[in-house]
Amino acid sequence: MKAPQLPGKYEVKTDVIIDASTDTVWAALKEFGSVSDWAPTVSKSHYLDSQTSGVGTGRHCDIDGFGGIDEVVTHWQEGVGFAYSVTPLGPLAKSNSSWYLTRITDQRTKLEVKFSYDLRFGILGRVLHKLVMRRKLEQSLPETLLAFKKRLTKVTPAAAVTPVPAAAMPA
C-alpha cells in the first residue's frame, strides 16, 4: 500500500535507505510516542492516552524553539507505515505527515516521508514561510530521517537522503 495523498498546498518530502530489514525499521518506527528518543528537534514526547498504535493514536511533542504540538494518526498500515495530522504551529496551519516503508532487500529498507501543510496569518505567514519556515523544513526533515537511521544502523558519510529540490515545489 502506498502512502495516502496528504492535503496541503505545500509539501516537503525526502527519503532514506536504511540497512535493516523492514520488520526492524517498523519495530522502531511504530513506537509513535517515543519520537523524542531520536528526533533532533523534539525535546519531549508522550502518548496522549493509553492507545499506542493504529488510527487515533496521539502524541504530544515539545519542539525546541517553537512550542508544543499534538499529532494524531489518521492512517495506519501495520508493518508498512502511517500518516498523521499535526496541530498548527507558527505560520503553519494544521499539517500532515506520512512515514512509509518499502522493502528493497531482506536487509535494506527505504523510508519515505512527506510533510504537507497550508499557511495561516495571511501575508505575514507567507513572508515567514518564504524567509524562514520553508528552508527550515527542507533542512530538518532530512536531518530527522538521518537521526532515525542512526538509531538503527551506523551512518556512513554518503548517507542516502535525497531532498526534493525546492524548484519542484510551490514556494
N, C-alpha and C. Protein backbone atom coordinates (compact mmCIF):
# COMPACT_ATOMS: atom_id res chain seq x y z
N MET A 1 0.83 -1.18 0.00
CA MET A 1 0.00 0.00 0.00
C MET A 1 0.88 1.24 0.00
N LYS A 2 0.50 2.20 -0.79
CA LYS A 2 1.22 3.48 -0.86
C LYS A 2 0.71 4.42 0.22
N ALA A 3 1.50 5.42 0.51
CA ALA A 3 1.10 6.44 1.47
C ALA A 3 -0.12 7.18 0.92
N PRO A 4 -1.02 7.60 1.80
CA PRO A 4 -2.19 8.34 1.34
C PRO A 4 -1.81 9.71 0.82
N GLN A 5 -2.64 10.25 -0.05
CA GLN A 5 -2.45 11.62 -0.52
C GLN A 5 -2.73 12.55 0.65
N LEU A 6 -1.83 13.45 0.92
CA LEU A 6 -1.98 14.36 2.05
C LEU A 6 -2.52 15.71 1.59
N PRO A 7 -3.45 16.29 2.34
CA PRO A 7 -3.93 17.63 1.98
C PRO A 7 -2.87 18.68 2.30
N GLY A 8 -2.91 19.77 1.61
CA GLY A 8 -1.98 20.88 1.87
C GLY A 8 -1.43 21.43 0.58
N LYS A 9 -1.32 22.74 0.51
CA LYS A 9 -0.80 23.42 -0.69
C LYS A 9 0.71 23.21 -0.86
N TYR A 10 1.42 23.10 0.25
CA TYR A 10 2.88 22.98 0.23
C TYR A 10 3.29 21.59 0.69
N GLU A 11 4.43 21.13 0.19
CA GLU A 11 4.91 19.80 0.57
C GLU A 11 6.42 19.76 0.59
N VAL A 12 6.95 19.08 1.59
CA VAL A 12 8.38 18.77 1.68
C VAL A 12 8.44 17.26 1.79
N LYS A 13 9.34 16.65 1.04
CA LYS A 13 9.47 15.20 1.12
C LYS A 13 10.92 14.80 0.98
N THR A 14 11.23 13.65 1.53
CA THR A 14 12.58 13.11 1.46
C THR A 14 12.50 11.61 1.73
N ASP A 15 13.61 10.94 1.55
CA ASP A 15 13.67 9.51 1.85
C ASP A 15 15.07 9.15 2.30
N VAL A 16 15.17 7.97 2.89
CA VAL A 16 16.46 7.47 3.34
C VAL A 16 16.46 5.95 3.16
N ILE A 17 17.62 5.42 2.82
CA ILE A 17 17.81 3.98 2.74
C ILE A 17 18.46 3.53 4.04
N ILE A 18 17.85 2.53 4.67
CA ILE A 18 18.33 2.03 5.95
C ILE A 18 18.76 0.58 5.77
N ASP A 19 19.96 0.27 6.21
CA ASP A 19 20.47 -1.10 6.12
C ASP A 19 19.94 -1.93 7.27
N ALA A 20 18.66 -2.25 7.18
CA ALA A 20 17.98 -3.08 8.17
C ALA A 20 16.72 -3.63 7.50
N SER A 21 16.22 -4.72 8.05
CA SER A 21 15.00 -5.31 7.49
C SER A 21 13.81 -4.38 7.72
N THR A 22 12.80 -4.53 6.91
CA THR A 22 11.58 -3.74 7.06
C THR A 22 10.96 -3.98 8.44
N ASP A 23 11.01 -5.23 8.91
CA ASP A 23 10.47 -5.53 10.25
C ASP A 23 11.22 -4.77 11.34
N THR A 24 12.54 -4.69 11.23
CA THR A 24 13.35 -3.96 12.21
C THR A 24 13.03 -2.48 12.19
N VAL A 25 12.93 -1.92 10.99
CA VAL A 25 12.63 -0.49 10.86
C VAL A 25 11.23 -0.21 11.40
N TRP A 26 10.27 -1.07 11.05
CA TRP A 26 8.90 -0.87 11.53
C TRP A 26 8.83 -0.95 13.05
N ALA A 27 9.55 -1.87 13.65
CA ALA A 27 9.53 -2.01 15.11
C ALA A 27 9.93 -0.71 15.80
N ALA A 28 10.89 0.01 15.25
CA ALA A 28 11.30 1.29 15.82
C ALA A 28 10.33 2.41 15.45
N LEU A 29 9.88 2.42 14.21
CA LEU A 29 9.02 3.49 13.71
C LEU A 29 7.66 3.50 14.40
N LYS A 30 7.11 2.33 14.68
CA LYS A 30 5.76 2.27 15.24
C LYS A 30 5.69 2.72 16.70
N GLU A 31 6.83 2.96 17.34
CA GLU A 31 6.86 3.50 18.70
C GLU A 31 6.57 5.00 18.63
N PHE A 32 5.35 5.31 18.25
CA PHE A 32 4.91 6.67 17.93
C PHE A 32 5.16 7.67 19.07
N GLY A 33 4.95 7.26 20.28
CA GLY A 33 5.11 8.17 21.42
C GLY A 33 6.54 8.41 21.84
N SER A 34 7.50 7.70 21.24
CA SER A 34 8.91 7.79 21.66
C SER A 34 9.77 8.59 20.69
N VAL A 35 9.17 9.46 19.91
CA VAL A 35 9.92 10.20 18.89
C VAL A 35 11.04 11.05 19.50
N SER A 36 10.87 11.50 20.74
CA SER A 36 11.92 12.32 21.36
C SER A 36 13.19 11.52 21.65
N ASP A 37 13.12 10.19 21.57
CA ASP A 37 14.32 9.36 21.76
C ASP A 37 15.31 9.52 20.63
N TRP A 38 14.84 10.01 19.45
CA TRP A 38 15.76 10.09 18.32
C TRP A 38 15.61 11.36 17.47
N ALA A 39 14.47 12.00 17.46
CA ALA A 39 14.28 13.19 16.61
C ALA A 39 15.03 14.39 17.20
N PRO A 40 15.91 15.02 16.42
CA PRO A 40 16.77 16.06 16.97
C PRO A 40 16.07 17.30 17.51
N THR A 41 14.91 17.66 16.99
CA THR A 41 14.24 18.88 17.44
C THR A 41 13.13 18.63 18.47
N VAL A 42 12.87 17.37 18.79
CA VAL A 42 11.81 17.04 19.75
C VAL A 42 12.45 16.78 21.12
N SER A 43 12.22 17.69 22.05
CA SER A 43 12.84 17.55 23.37
C SER A 43 12.07 16.59 24.28
N LYS A 44 10.74 16.52 24.12
CA LYS A 44 9.92 15.61 24.92
C LYS A 44 8.77 15.12 24.05
N SER A 45 8.35 13.88 24.29
CA SER A 45 7.17 13.36 23.62
C SER A 45 6.51 12.32 24.51
N HIS A 46 5.20 12.18 24.34
CA HIS A 46 4.46 11.17 25.08
C HIS A 46 3.12 10.93 24.38
N TYR A 47 2.58 9.73 24.62
CA TYR A 47 1.25 9.42 24.09
C TYR A 47 0.21 10.31 24.76
N LEU A 48 -0.86 10.61 24.04
CA LEU A 48 -1.94 11.42 24.60
C LEU A 48 -2.85 10.63 25.53
N ASP A 49 -2.91 9.31 25.30
CA ASP A 49 -3.73 8.45 26.16
C ASP A 49 -3.17 7.03 26.10
N SER A 50 -3.96 6.03 26.44
CA SER A 50 -3.46 4.66 26.52
C SER A 50 -3.31 3.97 25.16
N GLN A 51 -3.86 4.54 24.11
CA GLN A 51 -3.74 3.94 22.78
C GLN A 51 -2.34 4.18 22.22
N THR A 52 -1.65 3.10 21.77
CA THR A 52 -0.26 3.20 21.31
C THR A 52 -0.05 2.75 19.88
N SER A 53 -1.12 2.38 19.17
CA SER A 53 -0.98 2.04 17.75
C SER A 53 -2.33 2.16 17.07
N GLY A 54 -2.27 2.31 15.75
CA GLY A 54 -3.48 2.37 14.95
C GLY A 54 -4.04 3.78 14.80
N VAL A 55 -5.08 3.88 13.96
CA VAL A 55 -5.74 5.16 13.73
C VAL A 55 -6.29 5.68 15.06
N GLY A 56 -6.05 6.96 15.31
CA GLY A 56 -6.50 7.58 16.55
C GLY A 56 -5.41 7.70 17.60
N THR A 57 -4.28 7.02 17.41
CA THR A 57 -3.17 7.14 18.35
C THR A 57 -2.66 8.58 18.31
N GLY A 58 -2.43 9.16 19.47
CA GLY A 58 -1.96 10.53 19.53
C GLY A 58 -0.71 10.67 20.37
N ARG A 59 0.06 11.71 20.06
CA ARG A 59 1.23 12.03 20.87
C ARG A 59 1.34 13.54 20.98
N HIS A 60 1.99 13.97 22.04
CA HIS A 60 2.33 15.38 22.22
C HIS A 60 3.83 15.49 22.09
N CYS A 61 4.29 16.52 21.38
CA CYS A 61 5.72 16.76 21.20
C CYS A 61 6.05 18.19 21.58
N ASP A 62 7.12 18.36 22.34
CA ASP A 62 7.68 19.68 22.59
C ASP A 62 8.80 19.88 21.57
N ILE A 63 8.66 20.91 20.72
CA ILE A 63 9.61 21.19 19.65
C ILE A 63 10.54 22.31 20.10
N ASP A 64 11.84 22.04 20.11
CA ASP A 64 12.83 23.03 20.53
C ASP A 64 12.63 24.35 19.79
N GLY A 65 12.47 25.43 20.54
CA GLY A 65 12.38 26.76 19.96
C GLY A 65 11.04 27.12 19.35
N PHE A 66 10.06 26.21 19.37
CA PHE A 66 8.78 26.50 18.73
C PHE A 66 7.58 26.29 19.63
N GLY A 67 7.64 25.39 20.59
CA GLY A 67 6.49 25.11 21.45
C GLY A 67 6.01 23.69 21.30
N GLY A 68 4.76 23.45 21.68
CA GLY A 68 4.22 22.10 21.66
C GLY A 68 3.21 21.88 20.55
N ILE A 69 3.13 20.64 20.10
CA ILE A 69 2.15 20.23 19.10
C ILE A 69 1.56 18.89 19.50
N ASP A 70 0.38 18.63 18.99
CA ASP A 70 -0.22 17.31 19.11
C ASP A 70 -0.32 16.70 17.72
N GLU A 71 -0.08 15.40 17.64
CA GLU A 71 -0.15 14.67 16.37
C GLU A 71 -1.04 13.46 16.57
N VAL A 72 -1.95 13.22 15.63
CA VAL A 72 -2.90 12.12 15.74
C VAL A 72 -2.88 11.31 14.45
N VAL A 73 -2.72 9.99 14.57
CA VAL A 73 -2.64 9.09 13.43
C VAL A 73 -3.98 9.05 12.69
N THR A 74 -3.92 9.26 11.37
CA THR A 74 -5.11 9.24 10.52
C THR A 74 -5.16 8.02 9.60
N HIS A 75 -4.01 7.42 9.33
CA HIS A 75 -3.90 6.19 8.53
C HIS A 75 -2.84 5.32 9.19
N TRP A 76 -3.07 4.01 9.20
CA TRP A 76 -2.11 3.08 9.81
C TRP A 76 -2.16 1.79 9.03
N GLN A 77 -1.04 1.35 8.51
CA GLN A 77 -0.94 0.03 7.90
C GLN A 77 0.18 -0.70 8.60
N GLU A 78 -0.18 -1.65 9.42
CA GLU A 78 0.78 -2.40 10.24
C GLU A 78 1.92 -2.93 9.38
N GLY A 79 3.13 -2.66 9.80
CA GLY A 79 4.32 -3.16 9.11
C GLY A 79 4.74 -2.33 7.90
N VAL A 80 3.93 -1.32 7.53
CA VAL A 80 4.21 -0.56 6.32
C VAL A 80 4.37 0.94 6.58
N GLY A 81 3.47 1.52 7.36
CA GLY A 81 3.58 2.96 7.61
C GLY A 81 2.33 3.56 8.18
N PHE A 82 2.40 4.88 8.37
CA PHE A 82 1.27 5.62 8.91
C PHE A 82 1.33 7.06 8.44
N ALA A 83 0.20 7.74 8.62
CA ALA A 83 0.10 9.18 8.37
C ALA A 83 -0.57 9.79 9.59
N TYR A 84 -0.27 11.05 9.83
CA TYR A 84 -0.86 11.72 10.98
C TYR A 84 -1.06 13.20 10.71
N SER A 85 -2.01 13.79 11.45
CA SER A 85 -2.25 15.23 11.37
C SER A 85 -1.50 15.90 12.51
N VAL A 86 -1.14 17.17 12.29
CA VAL A 86 -0.36 17.94 13.24
C VAL A 86 -1.10 19.25 13.53
N THR A 87 -1.21 19.61 14.79
CA THR A 87 -1.86 20.87 15.14
C THR A 87 -1.03 22.05 14.63
N PRO A 88 -1.67 23.22 14.43
CA PRO A 88 -0.95 24.40 13.92
C PRO A 88 0.23 24.80 14.81
N LEU A 89 1.24 25.35 14.16
CA LEU A 89 2.43 25.83 14.86
C LEU A 89 3.03 26.96 14.04
N GLY A 90 3.21 28.12 14.66
CA GLY A 90 3.76 29.28 13.94
C GLY A 90 2.90 29.59 12.73
N PRO A 91 3.52 29.85 11.58
CA PRO A 91 2.74 30.18 10.39
C PRO A 91 2.11 28.95 9.71
N LEU A 92 2.39 27.76 10.24
CA LEU A 92 1.84 26.55 9.64
C LEU A 92 0.45 26.28 10.18
N ALA A 93 -0.51 26.14 9.27
CA ALA A 93 -1.84 25.71 9.67
C ALA A 93 -1.77 24.22 9.98
N LYS A 94 -2.89 23.61 10.28
CA LYS A 94 -2.89 22.17 10.51
C LYS A 94 -2.17 21.50 9.34
N SER A 95 -1.25 20.61 9.66
CA SER A 95 -0.45 19.96 8.63
C SER A 95 -0.56 18.45 8.78
N ASN A 96 0.07 17.73 7.85
CA ASN A 96 0.00 16.27 7.82
C ASN A 96 1.35 15.71 7.43
N SER A 97 1.62 14.49 7.91
CA SER A 97 2.87 13.83 7.56
C SER A 97 2.60 12.35 7.35
N SER A 98 3.37 11.75 6.45
CA SER A 98 3.28 10.30 6.24
C SER A 98 4.68 9.71 6.28
N TRP A 99 4.78 8.51 6.87
CA TRP A 99 6.03 7.78 7.02
C TRP A 99 5.76 6.36 6.53
N TYR A 100 6.31 5.99 5.37
CA TYR A 100 6.02 4.69 4.76
C TYR A 100 7.30 3.97 4.35
N LEU A 101 7.29 2.65 4.53
CA LEU A 101 8.44 1.80 4.25
C LEU A 101 8.26 1.03 2.96
N THR A 102 9.37 0.82 2.26
CA THR A 102 9.41 -0.04 1.08
C THR A 102 10.58 -1.00 1.25
N ARG A 103 10.31 -2.28 1.16
CA ARG A 103 11.37 -3.29 1.25
C ARG A 103 12.19 -3.26 -0.03
N ILE A 104 13.50 -3.13 0.09
CA ILE A 104 14.39 -3.18 -1.07
C ILE A 104 14.99 -4.58 -1.18
N THR A 105 15.59 -5.05 -0.08
CA THR A 105 16.08 -6.43 0.03
C THR A 105 15.76 -6.89 1.45
N ASP A 106 16.20 -8.08 1.81
CA ASP A 106 15.96 -8.57 3.17
C ASP A 106 16.55 -7.65 4.24
N GLN A 107 17.64 -6.95 3.91
CA GLN A 107 18.32 -6.10 4.88
C GLN A 107 18.46 -4.65 4.43
N ARG A 108 17.58 -4.21 3.55
CA ARG A 108 17.58 -2.80 3.12
C ARG A 108 16.14 -2.34 2.98
N THR A 109 15.86 -1.19 3.57
CA THR A 109 14.51 -0.63 3.58
C THR A 109 14.58 0.85 3.21
N LYS A 110 13.63 1.28 2.41
CA LYS A 110 13.51 2.70 2.08
C LYS A 110 12.40 3.29 2.94
N LEU A 111 12.71 4.37 3.63
CA LEU A 111 11.73 5.11 4.41
C LEU A 111 11.46 6.43 3.68
N GLU A 112 10.20 6.63 3.28
CA GLU A 112 9.79 7.85 2.59
C GLU A 112 8.90 8.67 3.51
N VAL A 113 9.24 9.95 3.63
CA VAL A 113 8.48 10.84 4.50
C VAL A 113 8.02 12.06 3.70
N LYS A 114 6.75 12.39 3.88
CA LYS A 114 6.17 13.60 3.28
C LYS A 114 5.57 14.44 4.40
N PHE A 115 5.68 15.74 4.24
CA PHE A 115 5.08 16.68 5.16
C PHE A 115 4.35 17.71 4.32
N SER A 116 3.03 17.79 4.46
CA SER A 116 2.24 18.75 3.68
C SER A 116 1.55 19.71 4.64
N TYR A 117 1.34 20.93 4.15
CA TYR A 117 0.82 21.95 5.04
C TYR A 117 0.24 23.12 4.26
N ASP A 118 -0.55 23.88 4.97
CA ASP A 118 -1.05 25.17 4.49
C ASP A 118 -0.52 26.22 5.45
N LEU A 119 -0.66 27.47 5.05
CA LEU A 119 -0.17 28.58 5.87
C LEU A 119 -1.32 29.34 6.50
N ARG A 120 -1.04 29.98 7.61
CA ARG A 120 -2.01 30.87 8.23
C ARG A 120 -1.35 32.24 8.41
N PHE A 121 -2.06 33.19 8.92
CA PHE A 121 -1.61 34.56 9.15
C PHE A 121 -1.48 35.38 7.87
N GLY A 122 -2.16 34.96 6.79
CA GLY A 122 -2.20 35.76 5.55
C GLY A 122 -0.82 36.08 5.00
N ILE A 123 -0.63 37.35 4.66
CA ILE A 123 0.63 37.78 4.03
C ILE A 123 1.81 37.59 4.98
N LEU A 124 1.61 37.83 6.28
CA LEU A 124 2.68 37.64 7.25
C LEU A 124 3.14 36.18 7.27
N GLY A 125 2.19 35.25 7.23
CA GLY A 125 2.53 33.83 7.19
C GLY A 125 3.30 33.46 5.93
N ARG A 126 2.89 34.03 4.81
CA ARG A 126 3.60 33.74 3.55
C ARG A 126 5.03 34.30 3.57
N VAL A 127 5.20 35.47 4.17
CA VAL A 127 6.54 36.06 4.28
C VAL A 127 7.42 35.21 5.20
N LEU A 128 6.89 34.84 6.38
CA LEU A 128 7.65 33.98 7.29
C LEU A 128 8.01 32.65 6.63
N HIS A 129 7.08 32.12 5.86
CA HIS A 129 7.33 30.86 5.16
C HIS A 129 8.47 31.02 4.17
N LYS A 130 8.40 32.05 3.37
CA LYS A 130 9.41 32.26 2.34
C LYS A 130 10.78 32.56 2.94
N LEU A 131 10.83 33.33 4.03
CA LEU A 131 12.10 33.73 4.61
C LEU A 131 12.72 32.68 5.52
N VAL A 132 11.88 31.93 6.26
CA VAL A 132 12.42 31.07 7.29
C VAL A 132 11.89 29.64 7.24
N MET A 133 10.58 29.49 7.31
CA MET A 133 9.98 28.17 7.54
C MET A 133 10.29 27.16 6.44
N ARG A 134 10.18 27.55 5.20
CA ARG A 134 10.40 26.61 4.10
C ARG A 134 11.81 26.01 4.19
N ARG A 135 12.78 26.90 4.34
CA ARG A 135 14.18 26.47 4.43
C ARG A 135 14.40 25.57 5.64
N LYS A 136 13.79 25.94 6.77
CA LYS A 136 13.93 25.16 7.99
C LYS A 136 13.35 23.76 7.81
N LEU A 137 12.18 23.66 7.17
CA LEU A 137 11.56 22.36 6.93
C LEU A 137 12.40 21.52 5.98
N GLU A 138 12.92 22.13 4.92
CA GLU A 138 13.74 21.41 3.95
C GLU A 138 15.05 20.92 4.56
N GLN A 139 15.52 21.59 5.59
CA GLN A 139 16.73 21.17 6.29
C GLN A 139 16.42 20.13 7.36
N SER A 140 15.37 20.36 8.14
CA SER A 140 15.12 19.50 9.30
C SER A 140 14.56 18.13 8.93
N LEU A 141 13.80 18.01 7.86
CA LEU A 141 13.23 16.70 7.53
C LEU A 141 14.32 15.68 7.19
N PRO A 142 15.29 15.98 6.31
CA PRO A 142 16.38 15.02 6.09
C PRO A 142 17.20 14.75 7.35
N GLU A 143 17.42 15.78 8.18
CA GLU A 143 18.15 15.57 9.44
C GLU A 143 17.41 14.61 10.36
N THR A 144 16.10 14.73 10.38
CA THR A 144 15.28 13.84 11.21
C THR A 144 15.39 12.40 10.73
N LEU A 145 15.35 12.20 9.40
CA LEU A 145 15.49 10.84 8.87
C LEU A 145 16.87 10.26 9.15
N LEU A 146 17.90 11.08 9.04
CA LEU A 146 19.25 10.59 9.37
C LEU A 146 19.36 10.21 10.84
N ALA A 147 18.71 10.97 11.71
CA ALA A 147 18.71 10.64 13.13
C ALA A 147 18.00 9.31 13.38
N PHE A 148 16.89 9.08 12.68
CA PHE A 148 16.19 7.81 12.80
C PHE A 148 17.07 6.67 12.28
N LYS A 149 17.71 6.89 11.14
CA LYS A 149 18.60 5.87 10.57
C LYS A 149 19.74 5.56 11.53
N LYS A 150 20.31 6.59 12.11
CA LYS A 150 21.43 6.41 13.04
C LYS A 150 21.00 5.57 14.24
N ARG A 151 19.75 5.73 14.64
CA ARG A 151 19.24 4.94 15.76
C ARG A 151 19.31 3.44 15.45
N LEU A 152 19.14 3.09 14.17
CA LEU A 152 19.08 1.68 13.78
C LEU A 152 20.39 1.13 13.23
N THR A 153 21.18 1.96 12.60
CA THR A 153 22.39 1.48 11.92
C THR A 153 23.52 2.49 12.08
N LYS A 154 24.69 2.11 11.65
CA LYS A 154 25.80 3.05 11.58
C LYS A 154 25.61 3.89 10.33
N VAL A 155 25.71 5.20 10.47
CA VAL A 155 25.55 6.11 9.34
C VAL A 155 26.87 6.24 8.62
N THR A 156 26.84 6.07 7.31
CA THR A 156 28.04 6.25 6.51
C THR A 156 28.11 7.69 6.03
N PRO A 157 29.30 8.20 5.68
CA PRO A 157 29.41 9.58 5.22
C PRO A 157 28.53 9.89 4.01
N ALA A 158 28.28 8.90 3.18
CA ALA A 158 27.47 9.11 1.98
C ALA A 158 26.04 8.62 2.22
N ALA A 159 25.45 9.05 3.31
CA ALA A 159 24.09 8.63 3.65
C ALA A 159 23.12 9.00 2.53
N ALA A 160 22.22 8.09 2.24
CA ALA A 160 21.32 8.27 1.10
C ALA A 160 20.06 9.02 1.50
N VAL A 161 20.15 10.32 1.62
CA VAL A 161 18.98 11.16 1.86
C VAL A 161 18.86 12.11 0.68
N THR A 162 17.71 12.11 0.05
CA THR A 162 17.54 12.91 -1.15
C THR A 162 16.35 13.86 -1.00
N PRO A 163 16.61 15.11 -0.60
CA PRO A 163 15.50 16.06 -0.53
C PRO A 163 15.03 16.42 -1.94
N VAL A 164 13.77 16.75 -2.06
CA VAL A 164 13.22 17.17 -3.33
C VAL A 164 13.63 18.62 -3.54
N PRO A 165 14.15 18.98 -4.73
CA PRO A 165 14.56 20.36 -4.98
C PRO A 165 13.40 21.32 -4.77
N ALA A 166 13.69 22.47 -4.15
CA ALA A 166 12.67 23.47 -3.87
C ALA A 166 12.00 23.95 -5.16
N ALA A 167 12.72 23.96 -6.27
CA ALA A 167 12.16 24.43 -7.54
C ALA A 167 11.01 23.53 -8.00
N ALA A 168 10.96 22.29 -7.52
CA ALA A 168 9.92 21.35 -7.93
C ALA A 168 8.65 21.51 -7.10
N MET A 169 8.67 22.39 -6.09
CA MET A 169 7.52 22.53 -5.19
C MET A 169 7.08 24.00 -5.18
N PRO A 170 5.81 24.25 -4.84
CA PRO A 170 5.37 25.64 -4.74
C PRO A 170 6.09 26.38 -3.64
N ALA A 171 6.33 27.66 -3.82
CA ALA A 171 7.03 28.47 -2.81
C ALA A 171 6.12 28.89 -1.69
